[in-house]
């Protein structure tokens, strides 16, 4: 299972990086919504990683980051996620408080899957928003990524 999660996070890292490149290369036409969504995607991975690692989060889910910092933040998230995959039991239960102050618990495995699913969802929203603003949307489907990596 470690190998599968590593592949999922490589995929997430790869396409987060591609979206950030689109934002950096289309500053005049990219919308505030797209910037908000990619920041949210990066921020929430940091939030979830921090919950698993037992660290205070450095950001809020909807904080707007400097676009210039997003590539670095994506890299840090990727490194932290791989550390979690390599060093935490997937069935370990993580107790955490969400952004509304509500207490929950989930397994590391479920949180890791959620991080990937959440980022995929928002990349789909970003693709739609880019198309609306005349920017060629990325095709970021997992199966296309796997086809290209074989």
N, C-alpha and C. Protein backbone atom coordinates (compact mmCIF):
# COMPACT_ATOMS: atom_id res chain seq x y z
N UNK A 1 0.82 -1.19 0.00
CA UNK A 1 0.00 0.00 0.00
C UNK A 1 0.86 1.26 0.00
N UNK A 2 2.05 1.19 0.60
CA UNK A 2 2.94 2.35 0.61
C UNK A 2 3.26 2.79 -0.81
N UNK A 3 3.54 1.82 -1.68
CA UNK A 3 3.86 2.15 -3.07
C UNK A 3 2.71 2.86 -3.76
N UNK A 4 1.50 2.40 -3.53
CA UNK A 4 0.33 3.02 -4.14
C UNK A 4 0.17 4.47 -3.66
N UNK A 5 0.29 4.70 -2.35
CA UNK A 5 0.16 6.06 -1.84
C UNK A 5 1.29 6.95 -2.33
N UNK A 6 2.49 6.40 -2.47
CA UNK A 6 3.59 7.20 -3.03
C UNK A 6 3.24 7.64 -4.45
N UNK A 7 2.70 6.72 -5.23
CA UNK A 7 2.29 7.07 -6.61
C UNK A 7 1.22 8.15 -6.61
N UNK A 8 0.24 8.03 -5.72
CA UNK A 8 -0.82 9.05 -5.66
C UNK A 8 -0.25 10.42 -5.31
N UNK A 9 0.68 10.45 -4.37
CA UNK A 9 1.25 11.75 -4.00
C UNK A 9 2.21 12.28 -5.05
N UNK A 10 2.88 11.42 -5.79
CA UNK A 10 3.68 11.88 -6.93
C UNK A 10 2.77 12.52 -7.97
N UNK A 11 1.63 11.89 -8.23
CA UNK A 11 0.62 12.43 -9.15
C UNK A 11 0.12 13.79 -8.67
N UNK A 12 -0.25 13.88 -7.40
CA UNK A 12 -0.74 15.13 -6.84
C UNK A 12 0.32 16.22 -6.91
N UNK A 13 1.54 15.88 -6.53
CA UNK A 13 2.64 16.84 -6.60
C UNK A 13 2.83 17.33 -8.04
N UNK A 14 2.88 16.40 -8.98
CA UNK A 14 3.10 16.72 -10.38
C UNK A 14 2.05 17.71 -10.90
N UNK A 15 0.78 17.41 -10.66
CA UNK A 15 -0.26 18.27 -11.23
C UNK A 15 -0.48 19.54 -10.42
N UNK A 16 -0.20 19.54 -9.14
CA UNK A 16 -0.21 20.82 -8.42
C UNK A 16 0.85 21.74 -9.02
N UNK A 17 2.01 21.17 -9.32
CA UNK A 17 3.09 21.95 -9.93
C UNK A 17 2.67 22.49 -11.30
N UNK A 18 2.00 21.67 -12.08
CA UNK A 18 1.53 22.11 -13.41
C UNK A 18 0.52 23.25 -13.28
N UNK A 19 -0.40 23.14 -12.33
CA UNK A 19 -1.39 24.21 -12.12
C UNK A 19 -0.68 25.49 -11.69
N UNK A 20 0.27 25.38 -10.79
CA UNK A 20 1.02 26.56 -10.35
C UNK A 20 1.73 27.19 -11.54
N UNK A 21 2.31 26.39 -12.42
CA UNK A 21 2.95 26.92 -13.63
C UNK A 21 1.96 27.67 -14.50
N UNK A 22 0.75 27.13 -14.64
CA UNK A 22 -0.29 27.82 -15.42
C UNK A 22 -0.58 29.18 -14.79
N UNK A 23 -0.70 29.22 -13.48
CA UNK A 23 -0.97 30.49 -12.79
C UNK A 23 0.19 31.46 -13.01
N UNK A 24 1.41 30.99 -12.84
CA UNK A 24 2.57 31.87 -13.00
C UNK A 24 2.71 32.38 -14.43
N UNK A 25 2.34 31.57 -15.41
CA UNK A 25 2.50 31.94 -16.82
C UNK A 25 1.30 32.69 -17.40
N UNK A 26 0.25 32.86 -16.63
CA UNK A 26 -0.96 33.53 -17.13
C UNK A 26 -1.47 34.55 -16.12
N UNK A 27 -0.57 35.28 -15.52
CA UNK A 27 -0.94 36.21 -14.46
C UNK A 27 -1.96 37.26 -14.89
N UNK A 28 -1.93 37.64 -16.14
CA UNK A 28 -2.84 38.69 -16.61
C UNK A 28 -4.27 38.20 -16.75
N UNK A 29 -4.45 36.90 -17.01
CA UNK A 29 -5.79 36.38 -17.30
C UNK A 29 -6.32 35.41 -16.25
N UNK A 30 -5.47 34.87 -15.41
CA UNK A 30 -5.93 33.90 -14.42
C UNK A 30 -6.82 34.62 -13.40
N UNK A 31 -7.88 33.96 -12.99
CA UNK A 31 -8.85 34.60 -12.09
C UNK A 31 -8.45 34.48 -10.63
N UNK A 32 -9.05 35.34 -9.82
CA UNK A 32 -8.86 35.24 -8.37
C UNK A 32 -9.37 33.90 -7.86
N UNK A 33 -10.42 33.38 -8.48
CA UNK A 33 -10.97 32.09 -8.06
C UNK A 33 -9.93 30.98 -8.23
N UNK A 34 -9.24 30.97 -9.37
CA UNK A 34 -8.20 29.96 -9.60
C UNK A 34 -7.09 30.09 -8.57
N UNK A 35 -6.66 31.31 -8.30
CA UNK A 35 -5.61 31.52 -7.30
C UNK A 35 -6.09 31.04 -5.93
N UNK A 36 -7.32 31.38 -5.58
CA UNK A 36 -7.87 30.94 -4.31
C UNK A 36 -7.92 29.42 -4.21
N UNK A 37 -8.33 28.76 -5.30
CA UNK A 37 -8.46 27.30 -5.29
C UNK A 37 -7.11 26.60 -5.20
N UNK A 38 -6.09 27.09 -5.93
CA UNK A 38 -4.79 26.41 -5.84
C UNK A 38 -4.16 26.68 -4.47
N UNK A 39 -4.35 27.87 -3.92
CA UNK A 39 -3.86 28.13 -2.56
C UNK A 39 -4.56 27.21 -1.57
N UNK A 40 -5.86 27.07 -1.70
CA UNK A 40 -6.63 26.20 -0.81
C UNK A 40 -6.14 24.75 -0.91
N UNK A 41 -5.88 24.30 -2.13
CA UNK A 41 -5.39 22.94 -2.34
C UNK A 41 -4.06 22.72 -1.63
N UNK A 42 -3.15 23.66 -1.80
CA UNK A 42 -1.83 23.57 -1.16
C UNK A 42 -1.96 23.70 0.36
N UNK A 43 -2.76 24.67 0.81
CA UNK A 43 -2.93 24.90 2.25
C UNK A 43 -3.51 23.69 2.96
N UNK A 44 -4.53 23.09 2.37
CA UNK A 44 -5.19 21.99 3.08
C UNK A 44 -4.31 20.75 3.16
N UNK A 45 -3.44 20.55 2.17
CA UNK A 45 -2.50 19.44 2.30
C UNK A 45 -1.58 19.69 3.49
N UNK A 46 -1.14 20.93 3.65
CA UNK A 46 -0.30 21.27 4.81
C UNK A 46 -1.07 21.06 6.11
N UNK A 47 -2.34 21.47 6.14
CA UNK A 47 -3.16 21.31 7.34
C UNK A 47 -3.29 19.83 7.71
N UNK A 48 -3.61 18.99 6.72
CA UNK A 48 -3.77 17.55 7.00
C UNK A 48 -2.44 16.91 7.40
N UNK A 49 -1.37 17.26 6.70
CA UNK A 49 -0.05 16.73 7.10
C UNK A 49 0.25 17.10 8.55
N UNK A 50 -0.02 18.35 8.91
CA UNK A 50 0.25 18.82 10.27
C UNK A 50 -0.58 18.05 11.29
N UNK A 51 -1.82 17.77 10.97
CA UNK A 51 -2.66 17.00 11.89
C UNK A 51 -2.07 15.62 12.14
N UNK A 52 -1.62 14.97 11.07
CA UNK A 52 -1.04 13.63 11.22
C UNK A 52 0.26 13.71 12.02
N UNK A 53 1.09 14.70 11.69
CA UNK A 53 2.40 14.83 12.33
C UNK A 53 2.32 15.38 13.75
N UNK A 54 1.15 15.89 14.13
CA UNK A 54 0.99 16.45 15.47
C UNK A 54 1.59 17.83 15.62
N UNK A 55 1.72 18.54 14.51
CA UNK A 55 2.28 19.89 14.52
C UNK A 55 1.18 20.93 14.35
N UNK A 56 1.40 22.14 14.85
CA UNK A 56 0.43 23.20 14.55
C UNK A 56 0.50 23.54 13.06
N UNK A 57 -0.64 23.80 12.48
CA UNK A 57 -0.67 24.17 11.07
C UNK A 57 -0.13 25.59 10.89
N UNK A 58 0.57 25.80 9.79
CA UNK A 58 1.16 27.11 9.51
C UNK A 58 0.21 28.03 8.77
N UNK A 59 -0.93 27.51 8.33
CA UNK A 59 -1.82 28.29 7.48
C UNK A 59 -3.26 27.88 7.71
N UNK A 60 -4.17 28.74 7.29
CA UNK A 60 -5.59 28.40 7.29
C UNK A 60 -5.97 27.85 5.93
N UNK A 61 -7.05 27.09 5.86
CA UNK A 61 -7.43 26.45 4.59
C UNK A 61 -7.63 27.42 3.43
N UNK A 62 -8.14 28.61 3.70
CA UNK A 62 -8.45 29.54 2.60
C UNK A 62 -7.51 30.75 2.57
N UNK A 63 -6.38 30.69 3.27
CA UNK A 63 -5.41 31.79 3.20
C UNK A 63 -4.89 31.91 1.77
N UNK A 64 -4.67 33.13 1.35
CA UNK A 64 -4.09 33.37 0.02
C UNK A 64 -2.58 33.49 0.20
N UNK A 65 -1.85 32.66 -0.53
CA UNK A 65 -0.39 32.65 -0.49
C UNK A 65 0.15 33.52 -1.64
N UNK A 66 1.38 33.97 -1.49
CA UNK A 66 2.05 34.59 -2.63
C UNK A 66 2.25 33.50 -3.69
N UNK A 67 1.85 33.79 -4.91
CA UNK A 67 1.95 32.80 -5.98
C UNK A 67 3.39 32.31 -6.11
N UNK A 68 4.34 33.21 -5.90
CA UNK A 68 5.75 32.86 -6.01
C UNK A 68 6.17 31.79 -4.99
N UNK A 69 5.43 31.65 -3.91
CA UNK A 69 5.78 30.68 -2.87
C UNK A 69 5.14 29.32 -3.06
N UNK A 70 4.19 29.21 -3.98
CA UNK A 70 3.41 27.97 -4.10
C UNK A 70 4.25 26.76 -4.51
N UNK A 71 5.20 26.93 -5.40
CA UNK A 71 6.03 25.79 -5.81
C UNK A 71 6.80 25.23 -4.61
N UNK A 72 7.35 26.13 -3.80
CA UNK A 72 8.09 25.69 -2.61
C UNK A 72 7.15 25.00 -1.62
N UNK A 73 5.99 25.58 -1.37
CA UNK A 73 5.03 24.98 -0.43
C UNK A 73 4.57 23.61 -0.92
N UNK A 74 4.37 23.47 -2.22
CA UNK A 74 3.99 22.18 -2.79
C UNK A 74 5.10 21.15 -2.54
N UNK A 75 6.34 21.58 -2.69
CA UNK A 75 7.48 20.68 -2.46
C UNK A 75 7.56 20.24 -0.99
N UNK A 76 7.36 21.17 -0.08
CA UNK A 76 7.37 20.85 1.35
C UNK A 76 6.25 19.88 1.67
N UNK A 77 5.05 20.14 1.14
CA UNK A 77 3.92 19.23 1.36
C UNK A 77 4.24 17.82 0.87
N UNK A 78 4.82 17.74 -0.32
CA UNK A 78 5.15 16.44 -0.91
C UNK A 78 6.13 15.68 -0.02
N UNK A 79 7.17 16.38 0.42
CA UNK A 79 8.17 15.76 1.30
C UNK A 79 7.52 15.28 2.60
N UNK A 80 6.68 16.11 3.19
CA UNK A 80 6.01 15.73 4.44
C UNK A 80 5.06 14.55 4.24
N UNK A 81 4.34 14.55 3.13
CA UNK A 81 3.42 13.44 2.85
C UNK A 81 4.18 12.14 2.67
N UNK A 82 5.30 12.18 1.96
CA UNK A 82 6.11 10.97 1.80
C UNK A 82 6.67 10.49 3.14
N UNK A 83 7.04 11.43 3.99
CA UNK A 83 7.51 11.06 5.33
C UNK A 83 6.40 10.32 6.09
N UNK A 84 5.19 10.82 5.99
CA UNK A 84 4.05 10.17 6.65
C UNK A 84 3.85 8.76 6.10
N UNK A 85 3.86 8.64 4.78
CA UNK A 85 3.67 7.33 4.14
C UNK A 85 4.72 6.34 4.62
N UNK A 86 5.95 6.79 4.72
CA UNK A 86 7.06 5.90 5.09
C UNK A 86 7.14 5.60 6.58
N UNK A 87 6.55 6.43 7.43
CA UNK A 87 6.80 6.31 8.86
C UNK A 87 5.57 6.13 9.76
N UNK A 88 4.38 6.20 9.20
CA UNK A 88 3.17 6.06 10.01
C UNK A 88 2.40 4.82 9.59
N UNK A 89 1.82 4.15 10.56
CA UNK A 89 0.94 3.02 10.28
C UNK A 89 -0.35 3.55 9.64
N UNK A 90 -0.78 2.93 8.56
CA UNK A 90 -1.96 3.41 7.84
C UNK A 90 -3.23 3.32 8.67
N UNK A 91 -3.29 2.38 9.59
CA UNK A 91 -4.50 2.21 10.41
C UNK A 91 -4.46 3.03 11.70
N UNK A 92 -3.37 3.76 11.91
CA UNK A 92 -3.28 4.62 13.09
C UNK A 92 -4.40 5.65 13.05
N UNK A 93 -5.05 5.87 14.17
CA UNK A 93 -6.15 6.84 14.26
C UNK A 93 -5.58 8.19 14.70
N UNK A 94 -5.96 9.22 13.95
CA UNK A 94 -5.53 10.58 14.24
C UNK A 94 -6.73 11.36 14.78
N UNK A 95 -6.59 11.91 15.98
CA UNK A 95 -7.61 12.79 16.56
C UNK A 95 -7.24 14.22 16.16
N UNK A 96 -8.23 14.98 15.72
CA UNK A 96 -7.96 16.35 15.30
C UNK A 96 -9.20 17.21 15.48
N UNK A 97 -8.98 18.50 15.41
CA UNK A 97 -10.06 19.48 15.46
C UNK A 97 -10.10 20.17 14.12
N UNK A 98 -11.29 20.24 13.51
CA UNK A 98 -11.40 20.88 12.19
C UNK A 98 -11.41 22.41 12.35
N UNK A 99 -11.53 23.10 11.22
CA UNK A 99 -11.45 24.57 11.23
C UNK A 99 -12.64 25.22 11.94
N UNK A 100 -13.71 24.46 12.19
CA UNK A 100 -14.87 24.97 12.94
C UNK A 100 -14.81 24.59 14.42
N UNK A 101 -13.71 23.97 14.84
CA UNK A 101 -13.54 23.60 16.24
C UNK A 101 -14.18 22.27 16.62
N UNK A 102 -14.61 21.49 15.64
CA UNK A 102 -15.25 20.20 15.90
C UNK A 102 -14.20 19.09 15.96
N UNK A 103 -14.37 18.17 16.90
CA UNK A 103 -13.44 17.06 17.10
C UNK A 103 -13.81 15.88 16.20
N UNK A 104 -12.78 15.29 15.58
CA UNK A 104 -12.98 14.12 14.73
C UNK A 104 -11.80 13.18 14.89
N UNK A 105 -11.95 11.98 14.34
CA UNK A 105 -10.83 11.05 14.24
C UNK A 105 -10.99 10.26 12.95
N UNK A 106 -9.85 10.05 12.29
CA UNK A 106 -9.79 9.26 11.07
C UNK A 106 -8.44 8.55 11.02
N UNK A 107 -8.38 7.49 10.23
CA UNK A 107 -7.11 6.78 10.07
C UNK A 107 -6.19 7.57 9.14
N UNK A 108 -4.91 7.32 9.28
CA UNK A 108 -3.91 7.93 8.39
C UNK A 108 -4.25 7.59 6.94
N UNK A 109 -4.61 6.35 6.69
CA UNK A 109 -4.95 5.91 5.33
C UNK A 109 -6.09 6.76 4.75
N UNK A 110 -7.14 6.96 5.53
CA UNK A 110 -8.28 7.73 5.04
C UNK A 110 -7.92 9.19 4.81
N UNK A 111 -7.10 9.74 5.68
CA UNK A 111 -6.67 11.13 5.50
C UNK A 111 -5.80 11.26 4.25
N UNK A 112 -4.89 10.34 4.05
CA UNK A 112 -4.04 10.39 2.85
C UNK A 112 -4.88 10.30 1.58
N UNK A 113 -5.87 9.41 1.59
CA UNK A 113 -6.73 9.31 0.41
C UNK A 113 -7.52 10.60 0.21
N UNK A 114 -8.01 11.16 1.31
CA UNK A 114 -8.77 12.42 1.23
C UNK A 114 -7.92 13.55 0.63
N UNK A 115 -6.67 13.66 1.05
CA UNK A 115 -5.80 14.71 0.53
C UNK A 115 -5.75 14.63 -0.99
N UNK A 116 -5.55 13.44 -1.52
CA UNK A 116 -5.47 13.28 -2.98
C UNK A 116 -6.80 13.54 -3.66
N UNK A 117 -7.86 13.02 -3.09
CA UNK A 117 -9.18 13.21 -3.67
C UNK A 117 -9.57 14.69 -3.67
N UNK A 118 -9.28 15.36 -2.57
CA UNK A 118 -9.59 16.78 -2.43
C UNK A 118 -8.84 17.62 -3.47
N UNK A 119 -7.57 17.33 -3.66
CA UNK A 119 -6.79 18.11 -4.64
C UNK A 119 -7.28 17.85 -6.06
N UNK A 120 -7.66 16.61 -6.35
CA UNK A 120 -8.19 16.29 -7.68
C UNK A 120 -9.48 17.06 -7.94
N UNK A 121 -10.34 17.10 -6.96
CA UNK A 121 -11.61 17.83 -7.07
C UNK A 121 -11.36 19.30 -7.41
N UNK A 122 -10.47 19.93 -6.68
CA UNK A 122 -10.22 21.35 -6.91
C UNK A 122 -9.46 21.60 -8.21
N UNK A 123 -8.61 20.69 -8.64
CA UNK A 123 -7.96 20.86 -9.95
C UNK A 123 -9.01 20.82 -11.07
N UNK A 124 -10.05 20.03 -10.90
CA UNK A 124 -11.15 20.03 -11.86
C UNK A 124 -11.85 21.38 -11.90
N UNK A 125 -12.09 21.97 -10.74
CA UNK A 125 -12.69 23.30 -10.70
C UNK A 125 -11.77 24.33 -11.35
N UNK A 126 -10.48 24.20 -11.12
CA UNK A 126 -9.51 25.12 -11.71
C UNK A 126 -9.51 24.99 -13.22
N UNK A 127 -9.57 23.77 -13.73
CA UNK A 127 -9.61 23.56 -15.19
C UNK A 127 -10.82 24.25 -15.80
N UNK A 128 -11.97 24.12 -15.17
CA UNK A 128 -13.19 24.77 -15.67
C UNK A 128 -13.03 26.28 -15.64
N UNK A 129 -12.50 26.81 -14.56
CA UNK A 129 -12.33 28.25 -14.44
C UNK A 129 -11.32 28.78 -15.45
N UNK A 130 -10.25 28.04 -15.67
CA UNK A 130 -9.26 28.46 -16.68
C UNK A 130 -9.90 28.54 -18.05
N UNK A 131 -10.66 27.53 -18.40
CA UNK A 131 -11.33 27.51 -19.70
C UNK A 131 -12.24 28.74 -19.86
N UNK A 132 -12.96 29.09 -18.81
CA UNK A 132 -13.84 30.27 -18.84
C UNK A 132 -13.07 31.57 -19.06
N UNK A 133 -11.79 31.57 -18.70
CA UNK A 133 -10.97 32.77 -18.83
C UNK A 133 -9.97 32.68 -19.99
N UNK A 134 -10.23 31.76 -20.92
CA UNK A 134 -9.42 31.67 -22.13
C UNK A 134 -8.07 31.02 -21.96
N UNK A 135 -7.88 30.30 -20.87
CA UNK A 135 -6.62 29.60 -20.62
C UNK A 135 -6.86 28.12 -20.89
N UNK A 136 -5.97 27.51 -21.66
CA UNK A 136 -6.12 26.09 -21.97
C UNK A 136 -6.08 25.29 -20.67
N UNK A 137 -7.16 24.53 -20.38
CA UNK A 137 -7.18 23.77 -19.13
C UNK A 137 -6.25 22.56 -19.19
N UNK A 138 -5.68 22.22 -18.06
CA UNK A 138 -4.85 21.02 -17.96
C UNK A 138 -5.73 19.79 -17.96
N UNK A 139 -5.27 18.75 -18.61
CA UNK A 139 -5.89 17.44 -18.48
C UNK A 139 -5.09 16.73 -17.39
N UNK A 140 -5.71 16.59 -16.22
CA UNK A 140 -4.96 16.06 -15.08
C UNK A 140 -5.54 14.76 -14.54
N UNK A 141 -6.24 14.03 -15.39
CA UNK A 141 -6.80 12.74 -14.97
C UNK A 141 -5.67 11.77 -14.61
N UNK A 142 -5.88 11.01 -13.56
CA UNK A 142 -4.87 10.08 -13.08
C UNK A 142 -4.46 9.08 -14.15
N UNK A 143 -5.43 8.56 -14.90
CA UNK A 143 -5.13 7.53 -15.90
C UNK A 143 -4.23 8.08 -17.01
N UNK A 144 -4.42 9.35 -17.38
CA UNK A 144 -3.55 9.96 -18.38
C UNK A 144 -2.13 10.11 -17.83
N UNK A 145 -2.05 10.47 -16.57
CA UNK A 145 -0.75 10.58 -15.90
C UNK A 145 -0.04 9.23 -15.92
N UNK A 146 -0.75 8.17 -15.58
CA UNK A 146 -0.16 6.83 -15.55
C UNK A 146 0.24 6.38 -16.95
N UNK A 147 -0.56 6.70 -17.95
CA UNK A 147 -0.21 6.32 -19.33
C UNK A 147 1.10 6.97 -19.74
N UNK A 148 1.25 8.24 -19.38
CA UNK A 148 2.46 8.97 -19.75
C UNK A 148 3.69 8.51 -18.98
N UNK A 149 3.49 7.89 -17.81
CA UNK A 149 4.64 7.50 -16.99
C UNK A 149 5.08 6.06 -17.24
N UNK A 150 4.33 5.34 -18.07
CA UNK A 150 4.69 3.93 -18.34
C UNK A 150 5.73 3.86 -19.43
